[in-house]
PDB file of all heavy atoms in Angstrom:
ATOM      1  N   ALA A   1       0.848  -1.178   0.000  1.00  0.00           N
ATOM      2  CA  ALA A   1       0.000   0.000   0.000  1.00  0.00           C
ATOM      3  C   ALA A   1       0.887   1.232   0.000  1.00  0.00           C
ATOM      4  O   ALA A   1       1.869   1.295   0.737  1.00  0.00           O
ATOM      5  CB  ALA A   1      -0.907   0.004   1.216  1.00  0.00           C
ATOM      6  N   SER A   2       0.553   2.170  -0.822  1.00  0.00           N
ATOM      7  CA  SER A   2       1.374   3.374  -0.928  1.00  0.00           C
ATOM      8  C   SER A   2       0.716   4.538  -0.190  1.00  0.00           C
ATOM      9  O   SER A   2      -0.391   4.428   0.318  1.00  0.00           O
ATOM     10  CB  SER A   2       1.597   3.743  -2.392  1.00  0.00           C
ATOM     11  OG  SER A   2       0.358   4.032  -3.016  1.00  0.00           O
ATOM     12  N   SER A   3       1.400   5.621  -0.162  1.00  0.00           N
ATOM     13  CA  SER A   3       0.897   6.860   0.420  1.00  0.00           C
ATOM     14  C   SER A   3       0.525   6.729   1.871  1.00  0.00           C
ATOM     15  O   SER A   3      -0.364   7.419   2.368  1.00  0.00           O
ATOM     16  CB  SER A   3      -0.323   7.379  -0.376  1.00  0.00           C
ATOM     17  OG  SER A   3      -0.018   7.543  -1.733  1.00  0.00           O
ATOM     18  N   GLY A   4       1.191   5.812   2.578  1.00  0.00           N
ATOM     19  CA  GLY A   4       0.958   5.706   4.006  1.00  0.00           C
ATOM     20  C   GLY A   4      -0.351   5.069   4.393  1.00  0.00           C
ATOM     21  O   GLY A   4      -0.681   4.986   5.581  1.00  0.00           O
ATOM     22  N   ARG A   5      -1.113   4.559   3.416  1.00  0.00           N
ATOM     23  CA  ARG A   5      -2.369   3.912   3.756  1.00  0.00           C
ATOM     24  C   ARG A   5      -2.104   2.508   4.278  1.00  0.00           C
ATOM     25  O   ARG A   5      -1.091   1.892   3.957  1.00  0.00           O
ATOM     26  CB  ARG A   5      -3.269   3.853   2.518  1.00  0.00           C
ATOM     27  CG  ARG A   5      -3.567   5.203   1.912  1.00  0.00           C
ATOM     28  CD  ARG A   5      -4.369   6.090   2.848  1.00  0.00           C
ATOM     29  NE  ARG A   5      -5.691   5.572   3.102  1.00  0.00           N
ATOM     30  CZ  ARG A   5      -6.737   5.806   2.314  1.00  0.00           C
ATOM     31  NH1 ARG A   5      -6.591   6.546   1.229  1.00  0.00           N
ATOM     32  NH2 ARG A   5      -7.911   5.318   2.618  1.00  0.00           N
ATOM     33  N   ILE A   6      -2.983   1.996   5.096  1.00  0.00           N
ATOM     34  CA  ILE A   6      -2.784   0.671   5.669  1.00  0.00           C
ATOM     35  C   ILE A   6      -3.770  -0.327   5.079  1.00  0.00           C
ATOM     36  O   ILE A   6      -4.861   0.050   4.656  1.00  0.00           O
ATOM     37  CB  ILE A   6      -2.914   0.698   7.197  1.00  0.00           C
ATOM     38  CG1 ILE A   6      -4.313   1.159   7.608  1.00  0.00           C
ATOM     39  CG2 ILE A   6      -1.841   1.570   7.809  1.00  0.00           C
ATOM     40  CD1 ILE A   6      -4.567   1.033   9.095  1.00  0.00           C
ATOM     41  N   ILE A   7      -3.370  -1.582   5.061  1.00  0.00           N
ATOM     42  CA  ILE A   7      -4.229  -2.625   4.515  1.00  0.00           C
ATOM     43  C   ILE A   7      -4.607  -3.657   5.555  1.00  0.00           C
ATOM     44  O   ILE A   7      -5.217  -4.662   5.227  1.00  0.00           O
ATOM     45  CB  ILE A   7      -3.548  -3.331   3.320  1.00  0.00           C
ATOM     46  CG1 ILE A   7      -2.230  -3.988   3.753  1.00  0.00           C
ATOM     47  CG2 ILE A   7      -3.323  -2.358   2.174  1.00  0.00           C
ATOM     48  CD1 ILE A   7      -1.628  -4.867   2.679  1.00  0.00           C
ATOM     49  N   SER A   8      -4.249  -3.424   6.811  1.00  0.00           N
ATOM     50  CA  SER A   8      -4.442  -4.456   7.820  1.00  0.00           C
ATOM     51  C   SER A   8      -5.910  -4.790   8.046  1.00  0.00           C
ATOM     52  O   SER A   8      -6.218  -5.874   8.525  1.00  0.00           O
ATOM     53  CB  SER A   8      -3.786  -4.022   9.129  1.00  0.00           C
ATOM     54  OG  SER A   8      -4.364  -2.817   9.603  1.00  0.00           O
ATOM     55  N   ARG A   9      -6.819  -3.888   7.717  1.00  0.00           N
ATOM     56  CA  ARG A   9      -8.251  -4.164   7.912  1.00  0.00           C
ATOM     57  C   ARG A   9      -8.905  -4.696   6.647  1.00  0.00           C
ATOM     58  O   ARG A   9     -10.114  -4.882   6.608  1.00  0.00           O
ATOM     59  CB  ARG A   9      -8.958  -2.886   8.359  1.00  0.00           C
ATOM     60  CG  ARG A   9      -8.486  -2.371   9.705  1.00  0.00           C
ATOM     61  CD  ARG A   9      -9.388  -1.265  10.210  1.00  0.00           C
ATOM     62  NE  ARG A   9      -8.929  -0.712  11.487  1.00  0.00           N
ATOM     63  CZ  ARG A   9      -8.171   0.360  11.586  1.00  0.00           C
ATOM     64  NH1 ARG A   9      -7.807   1.007  10.501  1.00  0.00           N
ATOM     65  NH2 ARG A   9      -7.805   0.811  12.767  1.00  0.00           N
ATOM     66  N   ASN A  10      -8.121  -4.917   5.606  1.00  0.00           N
ATOM     67  CA  ASN A  10      -8.663  -5.364   4.327  1.00  0.00           C
ATOM     68  C   ASN A  10      -8.419  -6.849   4.084  1.00  0.00           C
ATOM     69  O   ASN A  10      -7.370  -7.377   4.448  1.00  0.00           O
ATOM     70  CB  ASN A  10      -7.993  -4.600   3.181  1.00  0.00           C
ATOM     71  CG  ASN A  10      -8.411  -3.147   3.131  1.00  0.00           C
ATOM     72  OD1 ASN A  10      -9.269  -2.765   2.363  1.00  0.00           O
ATOM     73  ND2 ASN A  10      -7.790  -2.327   3.965  1.00  0.00           N
ATOM     74  N   THR A  11      -9.392  -7.497   3.458  1.00  0.00           N
ATOM     75  CA  THR A  11      -9.117  -8.763   2.792  1.00  0.00           C
ATOM     76  C   THR A  11      -8.353  -8.430   1.522  1.00  0.00           C
ATOM     77  O   THR A  11      -8.713  -7.504   0.801  1.00  0.00           O
ATOM     78  CB  THR A  11     -10.428  -9.482   2.446  1.00  0.00           C
ATOM     79  OG1 THR A  11     -11.076  -9.887   3.653  1.00  0.00           O
ATOM     80  CG2 THR A  11     -10.176 -10.695   1.573  1.00  0.00           C
ATOM     81  N   MET A  12      -7.298  -9.173   1.267  1.00  0.00           N
ATOM     82  CA  MET A  12      -6.466  -8.904   0.089  1.00  0.00           C
ATOM     83  C   MET A  12      -6.499 -10.097  -0.863  1.00  0.00           C
ATOM     84  O   MET A  12      -6.649 -11.245  -0.431  1.00  0.00           O
ATOM     85  CB  MET A  12      -5.028  -8.627   0.519  1.00  0.00           C
ATOM     86  CG  MET A  12      -4.881  -7.430   1.446  1.00  0.00           C
ATOM     87  SD  MET A  12      -5.385  -5.878   0.691  1.00  0.00           S
ATOM     88  CE  MET A  12      -4.176  -5.735  -0.623  1.00  0.00           C
ATOM     89  N   GLY A  13      -6.339  -9.805  -2.131  1.00  0.00           N
ATOM     90  CA  GLY A  13      -6.381 -10.889  -3.105  1.00  0.00           C
ATOM     91  C   GLY A  13      -5.492 -10.627  -4.298  1.00  0.00           C
ATOM     92  O   GLY A  13      -5.012  -9.508  -4.512  1.00  0.00           O
ATOM     93  N   TRP A  14      -5.274 -11.683  -5.057  1.00  0.00           N
ATOM     94  CA  TRP A  14      -4.565 -11.603  -6.323  1.00  0.00           C
ATOM     95  C   TRP A  14      -5.474 -12.137  -7.428  1.00  0.00           C
ATOM     96  O   TRP A  14      -6.140 -13.165  -7.251  1.00  0.00           O
ATOM     97  CB  TRP A  14      -3.284 -12.441  -6.288  1.00  0.00           C
ATOM     98  CG  TRP A  14      -2.206 -11.863  -5.425  1.00  0.00           C
ATOM     99  CD1 TRP A  14      -1.961 -12.156  -4.126  1.00  0.00           C
ATOM    100  CD2 TRP A  14      -1.230 -10.899  -5.817  1.00  0.00           C
ATOM    101  NE1 TRP A  14      -0.896 -11.426  -3.671  1.00  0.00           N
ATOM    102  CE2 TRP A  14      -0.418 -10.643  -4.697  1.00  0.00           C
ATOM    103  CE3 TRP A  14      -0.954 -10.219  -7.005  1.00  0.00           C
ATOM    104  CZ2 TRP A  14       0.641  -9.742  -4.726  1.00  0.00           C
ATOM    105  CZ3 TRP A  14       0.102  -9.324  -7.035  1.00  0.00           C
ATOM    106  CH2 TRP A  14       0.888  -9.089  -5.907  1.00  0.00           C
ATOM    107  N   PHE A  15      -5.478 -11.435  -8.543  1.00  0.00           N
ATOM    108  CA  PHE A  15      -6.184 -11.828  -9.742  1.00  0.00           C
ATOM    109  C   PHE A  15      -5.180 -11.818 -10.892  1.00  0.00           C
ATOM    110  O   PHE A  15      -4.098 -11.247 -10.768  1.00  0.00           O
ATOM    111  CB  PHE A  15      -7.317 -10.842 -10.045  1.00  0.00           C
ATOM    112  CG  PHE A  15      -8.439 -10.869  -9.043  1.00  0.00           C
ATOM    113  CD1 PHE A  15      -8.288 -10.287  -7.796  1.00  0.00           C
ATOM    114  CD2 PHE A  15      -9.651 -11.460  -9.355  1.00  0.00           C
ATOM    115  CE1 PHE A  15      -9.324 -10.306  -6.862  1.00  0.00           C
ATOM    116  CE2 PHE A  15     -10.693 -11.480  -8.433  1.00  0.00           C
ATOM    117  CZ  PHE A  15     -10.521 -10.902  -7.186  1.00  0.00           C
ATOM    118  N   ARG A  16      -5.545 -12.439 -11.998  1.00  0.00           N
ATOM    119  CA  ARG A  16      -4.681 -12.389 -13.171  1.00  0.00           C
ATOM    120  C   ARG A  16      -5.514 -12.333 -14.436  1.00  0.00           C
ATOM    121  O   ARG A  16      -6.661 -12.761 -14.464  1.00  0.00           O
ATOM    122  CB  ARG A  16      -3.738 -13.592 -13.207  1.00  0.00           C
ATOM    123  CG  ARG A  16      -4.426 -14.933 -13.423  1.00  0.00           C
ATOM    124  CD  ARG A  16      -3.412 -16.060 -13.274  1.00  0.00           C
ATOM    125  NE  ARG A  16      -4.028 -17.366 -13.508  1.00  0.00           N
ATOM    126  CZ  ARG A  16      -3.397 -18.525 -13.318  1.00  0.00           C
ATOM    127  NH1 ARG A  16      -2.140 -18.545 -12.890  1.00  0.00           N
ATOM    128  NH2 ARG A  16      -4.032 -19.653 -13.579  1.00  0.00           N
ATOM    129  N   GLN A  17      -4.903 -11.780 -15.470  1.00  0.00           N
ATOM    130  CA  GLN A  17      -5.562 -11.696 -16.764  1.00  0.00           C
ATOM    131  C   GLN A  17      -4.560 -12.010 -17.858  1.00  0.00           C
ATOM    132  O   GLN A  17      -3.561 -11.294 -18.016  1.00  0.00           O
ATOM    133  CB  GLN A  17      -6.182 -10.321 -16.987  1.00  0.00           C
ATOM    134  CG  GLN A  17      -7.030 -10.242 -18.254  1.00  0.00           C
ATOM    135  CD  GLN A  17      -7.892  -8.996 -18.295  1.00  0.00           C
ATOM    136  OE1 GLN A  17      -7.635  -8.015 -17.611  1.00  0.00           O
ATOM    137  NE2 GLN A  17      -8.930  -9.037 -19.108  1.00  0.00           N
ATOM    138  N   ALA A  18      -4.831 -13.078 -18.585  1.00  0.00           N
ATOM    139  CA  ALA A  18      -3.991 -13.470 -19.713  1.00  0.00           C
ATOM    140  C   ALA A  18      -4.522 -12.808 -20.980  1.00  0.00           C
ATOM    141  O   ALA A  18      -5.699 -12.445 -21.047  1.00  0.00           O
ATOM    142  CB  ALA A  18      -3.997 -14.984 -19.861  1.00  0.00           C
ATOM    143  N   PRO A  19      -3.679 -12.659 -21.991  1.00  0.00           N
ATOM    144  CA  PRO A  19      -4.120 -12.025 -23.238  1.00  0.00           C
ATOM    145  C   PRO A  19      -5.335 -12.732 -23.828  1.00  0.00           C
ATOM    146  O   PRO A  19      -5.345 -13.959 -23.961  1.00  0.00           O
ATOM    147  CB  PRO A  19      -2.893 -12.158 -24.143  1.00  0.00           C
ATOM    148  CG  PRO A  19      -1.745 -12.243 -23.215  1.00  0.00           C
ATOM    149  CD  PRO A  19      -2.243 -12.988 -22.025  1.00  0.00           C
ATOM    150  N   GLY A  20      -6.361 -11.964 -24.150  1.00  0.00           N
ATOM    151  CA  GLY A  20      -7.543 -12.522 -24.776  1.00  0.00           C
ATOM    152  C   GLY A  20      -8.474 -13.259 -23.834  1.00  0.00           C
ATOM    153  O   GLY A  20      -9.463 -13.851 -24.286  1.00  0.00           O
ATOM    154  N   LYS A  21      -8.161 -13.224 -22.549  1.00  0.00           N
ATOM    155  CA  LYS A  21      -8.997 -13.927 -21.571  1.00  0.00           C
ATOM    156  C   LYS A  21      -9.532 -12.953 -20.521  1.00  0.00           C
ATOM    157  O   LYS A  21      -9.012 -11.846 -20.356  1.00  0.00           O
ATOM    158  CB  LYS A  21      -8.194 -15.036 -20.891  1.00  0.00           C
ATOM    159  CG  LYS A  21      -7.772 -16.146 -21.823  1.00  0.00           C
ATOM    160  CD  LYS A  21      -7.135 -17.288 -21.048  1.00  0.00           C
ATOM    161  CE  LYS A  21      -6.771 -18.439 -21.955  1.00  0.00           C
ATOM    162  NZ  LYS A  21      -6.172 -19.581 -21.202  1.00  0.00           N
ATOM    163  N   GLU A  22     -10.552 -13.384 -19.837  1.00  0.00           N
ATOM    164  CA  GLU A  22     -11.107 -12.561 -18.770  1.00  0.00           C
ATOM    165  C   GLU A  22     -10.228 -12.657 -17.528  1.00  0.00           C
ATOM    166  O   GLU A  22      -9.494 -13.629 -17.322  1.00  0.00           O
ATOM    167  CB  GLU A  22     -12.527 -13.015 -18.439  1.00  0.00           C
ATOM    168  CG  GLU A  22     -13.524 -12.775 -19.566  1.00  0.00           C
ATOM    169  CD  GLU A  22     -14.951 -13.088 -19.152  1.00  0.00           C
ATOM    170  OE1 GLU A  22     -15.147 -13.608 -18.047  1.00  0.00           O
ATOM    171  OE2 GLU A  22     -15.858 -12.810 -19.938  1.00  0.00           O
ATOM    172  N   ARG A  23     -10.345 -11.630 -16.705  1.00  0.00           N
ATOM    173  CA  ARG A  23      -9.641 -11.649 -15.432  1.00  0.00           C
ATOM    174  C   ARG A  23     -10.160 -12.799 -14.576  1.00  0.00           C
ATOM    175  O   ARG A  23     -11.363 -13.069 -14.540  1.00  0.00           O
ATOM    176  CB  ARG A  23      -9.871 -10.321 -14.708  1.00  0.00           C
ATOM    177  CG  ARG A  23      -9.162 -10.177 -13.386  1.00  0.00           C
ATOM    178  CD  ARG A  23      -9.553  -8.876 -12.733  1.00  0.00           C
ATOM    179  NE  ARG A  23     -10.997  -8.841 -12.519  1.00  0.00           N
ATOM    180  CZ  ARG A  23     -11.708  -7.710 -12.469  1.00  0.00           C
ATOM    181  NH1 ARG A  23     -11.109  -6.552 -12.626  1.00  0.00           N
ATOM    182  NH2 ARG A  23     -13.003  -7.758 -12.277  1.00  0.00           N
ATOM    183  N   GLU A  24      -9.255 -13.463 -13.859  1.00  0.00           N
ATOM    184  CA  GLU A  24      -9.668 -14.565 -13.011  1.00  0.00           C
ATOM    185  C   GLU A  24      -9.039 -14.463 -11.624  1.00  0.00           C
ATOM    186  O   GLU A  24      -7.945 -13.928 -11.449  1.00  0.00           O
ATOM    187  CB  GLU A  24      -9.297 -15.913 -13.641  1.00  0.00           C
ATOM    188  CG  GLU A  24      -7.823 -16.164 -13.781  1.00  0.00           C
ATOM    189  CD  GLU A  24      -7.520 -17.572 -14.294  1.00  0.00           C
ATOM    190  OE1 GLU A  24      -8.459 -18.374 -14.466  1.00  0.00           O
ATOM    191  OE2 GLU A  24      -6.327 -17.881 -14.497  1.00  0.00           O
ATOM    192  N   PHE A  25      -9.758 -14.999 -10.674  1.00  0.00           N
ATOM    193  CA  PHE A  25      -9.321 -15.022  -9.286  1.00  0.00           C
ATOM    194  C   PHE A  25      -8.162 -16.002  -9.121  1.00  0.00           C
ATOM    195  O   PHE A  25      -8.159 -17.084  -9.710  1.00  0.00           O
ATOM    196  CB  PHE A  25     -10.497 -15.427  -8.402  1.00  0.00           C
ATOM    197  CG  PHE A  25     -10.139 -15.722  -6.976  1.00  0.00           C
ATOM    198  CD1 PHE A  25      -9.882 -14.693  -6.084  1.00  0.00           C
ATOM    199  CD2 PHE A  25     -10.079 -17.019  -6.517  1.00  0.00           C
ATOM    200  CE1 PHE A  25      -9.572 -14.952  -4.760  1.00  0.00           C
ATOM    201  CE2 PHE A  25      -9.774 -17.311  -5.196  1.00  0.00           C
ATOM    202  CZ  PHE A  25      -9.515 -16.268  -4.319  1.00  0.00           C
ATOM    203  N   VAL A  26      -7.186 -15.630  -8.298  1.00  0.00           N
ATOM    204  CA  VAL A  26      -6.054 -16.510  -8.028  1.00  0.00           C
ATOM    205  C   VAL A  26      -6.040 -16.927  -6.554  1.00  0.00           C
ATOM    206  O   VAL A  26      -6.008 -18.106  -6.242  1.00  0.00           O
ATOM    207  CB  VAL A  26      -4.726 -15.818  -8.383  1.00  0.00           C
ATOM    208  CG1 VAL A  26      -3.536 -16.695  -7.983  1.00  0.00           C
ATOM    209  CG2 VAL A  26      -4.670 -15.483  -9.869  1.00  0.00           C
ATOM    210  N   ALA A  27      -6.050 -15.945  -5.659  1.00  0.00           N
ATOM    211  CA  ALA A  27      -5.942 -16.249  -4.233  1.00  0.00           C
ATOM    212  C   ALA A  27      -6.410 -15.063  -3.407  1.00  0.00           C
ATOM    213  O   ALA A  27      -6.430 -13.931  -3.885  1.00  0.00           O
ATOM    214  CB  ALA A  27      -4.506 -16.599  -3.859  1.00  0.00           C
ATOM    215  N   ALA A  28      -6.781 -15.346  -2.148  1.00  0.00           N
ATOM    216  CA  ALA A  28      -7.184 -14.285  -1.229  1.00  0.00           C
ATOM    217  C   ALA A  28      -6.786 -14.663   0.185  1.00  0.00           C
ATOM    218  O   ALA A  28      -6.604 -15.842   0.505  1.00  0.00           O
ATOM    219  CB  ALA A  28      -8.684 -14.021  -1.320  1.00  0.00           C
ATOM    220  N   ILE A  29      -6.690 -13.631   1.034  1.00  0.00           N
ATOM    221  CA  ILE A  29      -6.311 -13.844   2.429  1.00  0.00           C
ATOM    222  C   ILE A  29      -7.075 -12.844   3.289  1.00  0.00           C
ATOM    223  O   ILE A  29      -7.222 -11.679   2.915  1.00  0.00           O
ATOM    224  CB  ILE A  29      -4.786 -13.689   2.592  1.00  0.00           C
ATOM    225  CG1 ILE A  29      -4.332 -14.072   3.999  1.00  0.00           C
ATOM    226  CG2 ILE A  29      -4.319 -12.283   2.221  1.00  0.00           C
ATOM    227  CD1 ILE A  29      -2.809 -14.224   4.106  1.00  0.00           C
ATOM    228  N   ASN A  30      -7.589 -13.298   4.425  1.00  0.00           N
ATOM    229  CA  ASN A  30      -8.352 -12.370   5.252  1.00  0.00           C
ATOM    230  C   ASN A  30      -7.411 -11.457   6.031  1.00  0.00           C
ATOM    231  O   ASN A  30      -6.185 -11.585   5.949  1.00  0.00           O
ATOM    232  CB  ASN A  30      -9.329 -13.115   6.161  1.00  0.00           C
ATOM    233  CG  ASN A  30      -8.649 -13.802   7.325  1.00  0.00           C
ATOM    234  OD1 ASN A  30      -7.442 -14.016   7.318  1.00  0.00           O
ATOM    235  ND2 ASN A  30      -9.421 -14.156   8.325  1.00  0.00           N
ATOM    236  N   TRP A  31      -7.992 -10.551   6.807  1.00  0.00           N
ATOM    237  CA  TRP A  31      -7.207  -9.479   7.394  1.00  0.00           C
ATOM    238  C   TRP A  31      -6.103  -9.977   8.318  1.00  0.00           C
ATOM    239  O   TRP A  31      -5.031  -9.382   8.385  1.00  0.00           O
ATOM    240  CB  TRP A  31      -8.118  -8.518   8.166  1.00  0.00           C
ATOM    241  CG  TRP A  31      -8.655  -9.117   9.434  1.00  0.00           C
ATOM    242  CD1 TRP A  31      -9.669 -10.017   9.573  1.00  0.00           C
ATOM    243  CD2 TRP A  31      -8.154  -8.875  10.757  1.00  0.00           C
ATOM    244  NE1 TRP A  31      -9.845 -10.348  10.881  1.00  0.00           N
ATOM    245  CE2 TRP A  31      -8.947  -9.658  11.634  1.00  0.00           C
ATOM    246  CE3 TRP A  31      -7.141  -8.078  11.274  1.00  0.00           C
ATOM    247  CZ2 TRP A  31      -8.734  -9.668  13.002  1.00  0.00           C
ATOM    248  CZ3 TRP A  31      -6.928  -8.072  12.640  1.00  0.00           C
ATOM    249  CH2 TRP A  31      -7.723  -8.875  13.499  1.00  0.00           C
ATOM    250  N   SER A  32      -6.345 -11.073   9.015  1.00  0.00           N
ATOM    251  CA  SER A  32      -5.365 -11.555   9.985  1.00  0.00           C
ATOM    252  C   SER A  32      -4.373 -12.539   9.373  1.00  0.00           C
ATOM    253  O   SER A  32      -3.355 -12.857   9.995  1.00  0.00           O
ATOM    254  CB  SER A  32      -6.080 -12.226  11.144  1.00  0.00           C
ATOM    255  OG  SER A  32      -6.734 -13.405  10.700  1.00  0.00           O
ATOM    256  N   GLY A  33      -4.697 -13.048   8.207  1.00  0.00           N
ATOM    257  CA  GLY A  33      -3.840 -14.052   7.582  1.00  0.00           C
ATOM    258  C   GLY A  33      -4.183 -15.474   7.979  1.00  0.00           C
ATOM    259  O   GLY A  33      -3.547 -16.412   7.503  1.00  0.00           O
ATOM    260  N   GLU A  34      -5.189 -15.649   8.813  1.00  0.00           N
ATOM    261  CA  GLU A  34      -5.499 -16.992   9.307  1.00  0.00           C
ATOM    262  C   GLU A  34      -6.289 -17.821   8.305  1.00  0.00           C
ATOM    263  O   GLU A  34      -6.336 -19.047   8.435  1.00  0.00           O
ATOM    264  CB  GLU A  34      -6.278 -16.903  10.618  1.00  0.00           C
ATOM    265  CG  GLU A  34      -7.633 -16.242  10.488  1.00  0.00           C
ATOM    266  CD  GLU A  34      -8.347 -16.104  11.818  1.00  0.00           C
ATOM    267  OE1 GLU A  34      -7.708 -16.328  12.855  1.00  0.00           O
ATOM    268  OE2 GLU A  34      -9.538 -15.766  11.817  1.00  0.00           O
ATOM    269  N   SER A  35      -6.896 -17.170   7.340  1.00  0.00           N
ATOM    270  CA  SER A  35      -7.679 -17.897   6.339  1.00  0.00           C
ATOM    271  C   SER A  35      -7.229 -17.504   4.937  1.00  0.00           C
ATOM    272  O   SER A  35      -7.075 -16.306   4.649  1.00  0.00           O
ATOM    273  CB  SER A  35      -9.170 -17.592   6.489  1.00  0.00           C
ATOM    274  OG  SER A  35      -9.653 -18.042   7.735  1.00  0.00           O
ATOM    275  N   THR A  36      -7.018 -18.508   4.098  1.00  0.00           N
ATOM    276  CA  THR A  36      -6.609 -18.274   2.719  1.00  0.00           C
ATOM    277  C   THR A  36      -7.514 -19.048   1.769  1.00  0.00           C
ATOM    278  O   THR A  36      -8.115 -20.061   2.150  1.00  0.00           O
ATOM    279  CB  THR A  36      -5.146 -18.686   2.495  1.00  0.00           C
ATOM    280  OG1 THR A  36      -4.995 -20.067   2.852  1.00  0.00           O
ATOM    281  CG2 THR A  36      -4.204 -17.836   3.318  1.00  0.00           C
ATOM    282  N   TYR A  37      -7.576 -18.576   0.534  1.00  0.00           N
ATOM    283  CA  TYR A  37      -8.477 -19.145  -0.463  1.00  0.00           C
ATOM    284  C   TYR A  37      -7.738 -19.165  -1.794  1.00  0.00           C
ATOM    285  O   TYR A  37      -7.022 -18.210  -2.116  1.00  0.00           O
ATOM    286  CB  TYR A  37      -9.736 -18.282  -0.576  1.00  0.00           C
ATOM    287  CG  TYR A  37     -10.376 -18.009   0.775  1.00  0.00           C
ATOM    288  CD1 TYR A  37      -9.924 -16.967   1.572  1.00  0.00           C
ATOM    289  CD2 TYR A  37     -11.390 -18.819   1.259  1.00  0.00           C
ATOM    290  CE1 TYR A  37     -10.469 -16.730   2.822  1.00  0.00           C
ATOM    291  CE2 TYR A  37     -11.955 -18.584   2.511  1.00  0.00           C
ATOM    292  CZ  TYR A  37     -11.481 -17.544   3.284  1.00  0.00           C
ATOM    293  OH  TYR A  37     -12.024 -17.313   4.524  1.00  0.00           O
ATOM    294  N   TYR A  38      -7.932 -20.236  -2.566  1.00  0.00           N
ATOM    295  CA  TYR A  38      -7.198 -20.382  -3.812  1.00  0.00           C
ATOM    296  C   TYR A  38      -8.098 -20.881  -4.929  1.00  0.00           C
ATOM    297  O   TYR A  38      -9.027 -21.664  -4.697  1.00  0.00           O
ATOM    298  CB  TYR A  38      -6.051 -21.385  -3.637  1.00  0.00           C
ATOM    299  CG  TYR A  38      -4.998 -20.938  -2.657  1.00  0.00           C
ATOM    300  CD1 TYR A  38      -5.036 -21.343  -1.332  1.00  0.00           C
ATOM    301  CD2 TYR A  38      -3.953 -20.102  -3.063  1.00  0.00           C
ATOM    302  CE1 TYR A  38      -4.079 -20.919  -0.430  1.00  0.00           C
ATOM    303  CE2 TYR A  38      -2.986 -19.683  -2.164  1.00  0.00           C
ATOM    304  CZ  TYR A  38      -3.066 -20.100  -0.845  1.00  0.00           C
ATOM    305  OH  TYR A  38      -2.101 -19.684   0.048  1.00  0.00           O
ATOM    306  N   ALA A  39      -7.770 -20.474  -6.140  1.00  0.00           N
ATOM    307  CA  ALA A  39      -8.367 -21.082  -7.317  1.00  0.00           C
ATOM    308  C   ALA A  39      -7.827 -22.491  -7.456  1.00  0.00           C
ATOM    309  O   ALA A  39      -6.666 -22.761  -7.106  1.00  0.00           O
ATOM    310  CB  ALA A  39      -8.042 -20.258  -8.557  1.00  0.00           C
ATOM    311  N   ASP A  40      -8.642 -23.384  -7.987  1.00  0.00           N
ATOM    312  CA  ASP A  40      -8.212 -24.772  -8.135  1.00  0.00           C
ATOM    313  C   ASP A  40      -6.950 -24.879  -8.982  1.00  0.00           C
ATOM    314  O   ASP A  40      -6.114 -25.754  -8.760  1.00  0.00           O
ATOM    315  CB  ASP A  40      -9.333 -25.602  -8.769  1.00  0.00           C
ATOM    316  CG  ASP A  40     -10.497 -25.837  -7.825  1.00  0.00           C
ATOM    317  OD1 ASP A  40     -10.319 -25.656  -6.599  1.00  0.00           O
ATOM    318  OD2 ASP A  40     -11.583 -26.199  -8.312  1.00  0.00           O
ATOM    319  N   SER A  41      -6.807 -23.992  -9.945  1.00  0.00           N
ATOM    320  CA  SER A  41      -5.687 -24.083 -10.884  1.00  0.00           C
ATOM    321  C   SER A  41      -4.334 -23.799 -10.229  1.00  0.00           C
ATOM    322  O   SER A  41      -3.296 -24.129 -10.797  1.00  0.00           O
ATOM    323  CB  SER A  41      -5.897 -23.116 -12.041  1.00  0.00           C
ATOM    324  OG  SER A  41      -6.024 -21.791 -11.564  1.00  0.00           O
ATOM    325  N   VAL A  42      -4.336 -23.182  -9.045  1.00  0.00           N
ATOM    326  CA  VAL A  42      -3.065 -22.834  -8.404  1.00  0.00           C
ATOM    327  C   VAL A  42      -2.871 -23.508  -7.049  1.00  0.00           C
ATOM    328  O   VAL A  42      -1.808 -23.370  -6.440  1.00  0.00           O
ATOM    329  CB  VAL A  42      -2.910 -21.299  -8.241  1.00  0.00           C
ATOM    330  CG1 VAL A  42      -3.105 -20.600  -9.577  1.00  0.00           C
ATOM    331  CG2 VAL A  42      -3.873 -20.753  -7.202  1.00  0.00           C
TER     332      VAL A  42
END
């Protein structure tokens, strides 16, 4: 996070987009890091 903003209260995730394809979910993590979620492909 830039500009001094914090992300500790946010769920964070990663997405990806390949050429010619729609954006897809990759992974996510809740605010504390205790729970994670993944796409089957990864």
